[in-house]
Amino acid sequence: VNAIAKIKEVRREFVEELEKLPFVKALPSQANYIMCELLDGIKSDALAYDLLRKNILIKDLSPKIGNGKQYIRLAVRKKEENNYLLQCLASYYNNK
């Protein structure tokens, strides 16, 4: 499998798993980043801070977009790293 096909497959799987989280709406992407709208009252700055304490860096896009909604940008990484991020996101939501 060539590198581009592998990246596309990992991104597709990552988006599928993100969409299983009740507070994440993944927006279509062709890049190695996924922009997500946060739902259910989750604040992008608080989530970014919490994940940073776990050595996960995400981009808080809410101030840049400025439409009153909450957005983050996630990098598509190796499957193991994506799975760790998914676990941390689920844990953050379940502990709120």
C-alpha atoms as a PDB file:
ATOM      1  CA  VAL A   1       0.000   0.000   0.000  1.00  0.00           C
ATOM      2  CA  ASN A   2       1.462   3.352  -0.933  1.00  0.00           C
ATOM      3  CA  ALA A   3       1.832   6.135   1.622  1.00  0.00           C
ATOM      4  CA  ILE A   4      -1.046   8.302   0.335  1.00  0.00           C
ATOM      5  CA  ALA A   5      -3.479   5.390   0.378  1.00  0.00           C
ATOM      6  CA  LYS A   6      -2.364   4.494   3.912  1.00  0.00           C
ATOM      7  CA  ILE A   7      -2.869   8.056   5.151  1.00  0.00           C
ATOM      8  CA  LYS A   8      -6.337   8.170   3.578  1.00  0.00           C
ATOM      9  CA  GLU A   9      -7.281   4.901   5.273  1.00  0.00           C
ATOM     10  CA  VAL A  10      -6.000   6.005   8.694  1.00  0.00           C
ATOM     11  CA  ARG A  11      -7.835   9.353   8.304  1.00  0.00           C
ATOM     12  CA  ARG A  12     -11.084   7.601   7.323  1.00  0.00           C
ATOM     13  CA  GLU A  13     -10.879   5.280  10.345  1.00  0.00           C
ATOM     14  CA  PHE A  14     -10.039   8.192  12.660  1.00  0.00           C
ATOM     15  CA  VAL A  15     -13.028  10.224  11.432  1.00  0.00           C
ATOM     16  CA  GLU A  16     -15.330   7.221  11.863  1.00  0.00           C
ATOM     17  CA  GLU A  17     -14.192   6.846  15.473  1.00  0.00           C
ATOM     18  CA  LEU A  18     -14.442  10.590  16.168  1.00  0.00           C
ATOM     19  CA  GLU A  19     -18.039  10.590  14.950  1.00  0.00           C
ATOM     20  CA  LYS A  20     -18.895   7.950  17.560  1.00  0.00           C
ATOM     21  CA  LEU A  21     -18.175  10.526  20.267  1.00  0.00           C
ATOM     22  CA  PRO A  22     -21.443  12.305  21.133  1.00  0.00           C
ATOM     23  CA  PHE A  23     -19.834  15.747  21.400  1.00  0.00           C
ATOM     24  CA  VAL A  24     -17.731  15.760  18.218  1.00  0.00           C
ATOM     25  CA  LYS A  25     -18.829  16.654  14.709  1.00  0.00           C
ATOM     26  CA  ALA A  26     -15.946  15.960  12.318  1.00  0.00           C
ATOM     27  CA  LEU A  27     -15.950  18.191   9.248  1.00  0.00           C
ATOM     28  CA  PRO A  28     -14.884  16.815   5.836  1.00  0.00           C
ATOM     29  CA  SER A  29     -11.157  16.979   5.161  1.00  0.00           C
ATOM     30  CA  GLN A  30      -8.657  15.957   2.517  1.00  0.00           C
ATOM     31  CA  ALA A  31      -5.695  17.006   4.666  1.00  0.00           C
ATOM     32  CA  ASN A  32      -3.851  15.323   7.509  1.00  0.00           C
ATOM     33  CA  TYR A  33      -5.827  17.493   9.927  1.00  0.00           C
ATOM     34  CA  ILE A  34      -9.477  17.190  10.899  1.00  0.00           C
ATOM     35  CA  MET A  35     -11.505  20.177  11.985  1.00  0.00           C
ATOM     36  CA  CYS A  36     -14.174  19.298  14.526  1.00  0.00           C
ATOM     37  CA  GLU A  37     -17.067  21.222  15.980  1.00  0.00           C
ATOM     38  CA  LEU A  38     -17.553  20.530  19.676  1.00  0.00           C
ATOM     39  CA  LEU A  39     -21.110  20.027  20.863  1.00  0.00           C
ATOM     40  CA  ASP A  40     -22.923  19.536  24.154  1.00  0.00           C
ATOM     41  CA  GLY A  41     -21.325  22.525  25.886  1.00  0.00           C
ATOM     42  CA  ILE A  42     -17.726  21.337  25.554  1.00  0.00           C
ATOM     43  CA  LYS A  43     -15.354  24.324  25.402  1.00  0.00           C
ATOM     44  CA  SER A  44     -12.413  24.134  23.029  1.00  0.00           C
ATOM     45  CA  ASP A  45      -9.991  26.007  25.295  1.00  0.00           C
ATOM     46  CA  ALA A  46     -10.721  23.791  28.311  1.00  0.00           C
ATOM     47  CA  LEU A  47     -10.395  20.636  26.205  1.00  0.00           C
ATOM     48  CA  ALA A  48      -7.105  21.841  24.683  1.00  0.00           C
ATOM     49  CA  TYR A  49      -5.742  22.596  28.158  1.00  0.00           C
ATOM     50  CA  ASP A  50      -6.786  19.205  29.523  1.00  0.00           C
ATOM     51  CA  LEU A  51      -5.212  17.332  26.613  1.00  0.00           C
ATOM     52  CA  LEU A  52      -2.015  19.374  26.826  1.00  0.00           C
ATOM     53  CA  ARG A  53      -1.579  18.078  30.376  1.00  0.00           C
ATOM     54  CA  LYS A  54      -1.553  14.589  28.765  1.00  0.00           C
ATOM     55  CA  ASN A  55       1.088  15.716  26.237  1.00  0.00           C
ATOM     56  CA  ILE A  56      -1.457  15.974  23.412  1.00  0.00           C
ATOM     57  CA  LEU A  57      -1.432  19.205  21.454  1.00  0.00           C
ATOM     58  CA  ILE A  58      -4.596  20.194  19.602  1.00  0.00           C
ATOM     59  CA  LYS A  59      -5.399  23.520  17.988  1.00  0.00           C
ATOM     60  CA  ASP A  60      -8.218  25.626  19.444  1.00  0.00           C
ATOM     61  CA  LEU A  61      -9.833  27.219  16.380  1.00  0.00           C
ATOM     62  CA  SER A  62     -12.765  28.913  18.147  1.00  0.00           C
ATOM     63  CA  PRO A  63     -11.149  32.365  18.518  1.00  0.00           C
ATOM     64  CA  LYS A  64     -10.048  32.349  14.881  1.00  0.00           C
ATOM     65  CA  ILE A  65     -13.474  31.394  13.517  1.00  0.00           C
ATOM     66  CA  GLY A  66     -15.357  33.610  15.963  1.00  0.00           C
ATOM     67  CA  ASN A  67     -18.926  32.520  15.209  1.00  0.00           C
ATOM     68  CA  GLY A  68     -19.750  31.566  18.812  1.00  0.00           C
ATOM     69  CA  LYS A  69     -19.291  27.845  18.209  1.00  0.00           C
ATOM     70  CA  GLN A  70     -16.469  25.684  19.523  1.00  0.00           C
ATOM     71  CA  TYR A  71     -13.913  24.200  17.090  1.00  0.00           C
ATOM     72  CA  ILE A  72     -10.679  22.253  17.340  1.00  0.00           C
ATOM     73  CA  ARG A  73      -8.204  20.884  14.817  1.00  0.00           C
ATOM     74  CA  LEU A  74      -6.754  17.406  15.273  1.00  0.00           C
ATOM     75  CA  ALA A  75      -3.775  15.962  13.466  1.00  0.00           C
ATOM     76  CA  VAL A  76      -4.137  12.559  11.861  1.00  0.00           C
ATOM     77  CA  ARG A  77      -1.296  10.518  13.329  1.00  0.00           C
ATOM     78  CA  LYS A  78      -0.395   6.854  13.607  1.00  0.00           C
ATOM     79  CA  LYS A  79      -3.293   4.581  14.491  1.00  0.00           C
ATOM     80  CA  GLU A  80      -1.998   4.022  18.049  1.00  0.00           C
ATOM     81  CA  GLU A  81      -1.677   7.776  18.644  1.00  0.00           C
ATOM     82  CA  ASN A  82      -5.142   8.415  17.211  1.00  0.00           C
ATOM     83  CA  ASN A  83      -6.573   5.734  19.497  1.00  0.00           C
ATOM     84  CA  TYR A  84      -4.923   7.321  22.536  1.00  0.00           C
ATOM     85  CA  LEU A  85      -6.417  10.693  21.584  1.00  0.00           C
ATOM     86  CA  LEU A  86      -9.845   9.089  21.147  1.00  0.00           C
ATOM     87  CA  GLN A  87      -9.555   7.523  24.624  1.00  0.00           C
ATOM     88  CA  CYS A  88      -8.578  10.884  26.126  1.00  0.00           C
ATOM     89  CA  LEU A  89     -11.459  12.657  24.387  1.00  0.00           C
ATOM     90  CA  ALA A  90     -13.954  10.071  25.640  1.00  0.00           C
ATOM     91  CA  SER A  91     -12.540  10.284  29.155  1.00  0.00           C
ATOM     92  CA  TYR A  92     -12.737  14.089  29.135  1.00  0.00           C
ATOM     93  CA  TYR A  93     -16.391  13.977  28.075  1.00  0.00           C
ATOM     94  CA  ASN A  94     -17.335  11.251  30.551  1.00  0.00           C
ATOM     95  CA  ASN A  95     -15.755  13.166  33.437  1.00  0.00           C
ATOM     96  CA  LYS A  96     -17.551  16.441  32.694  1.00  0.00           C
END
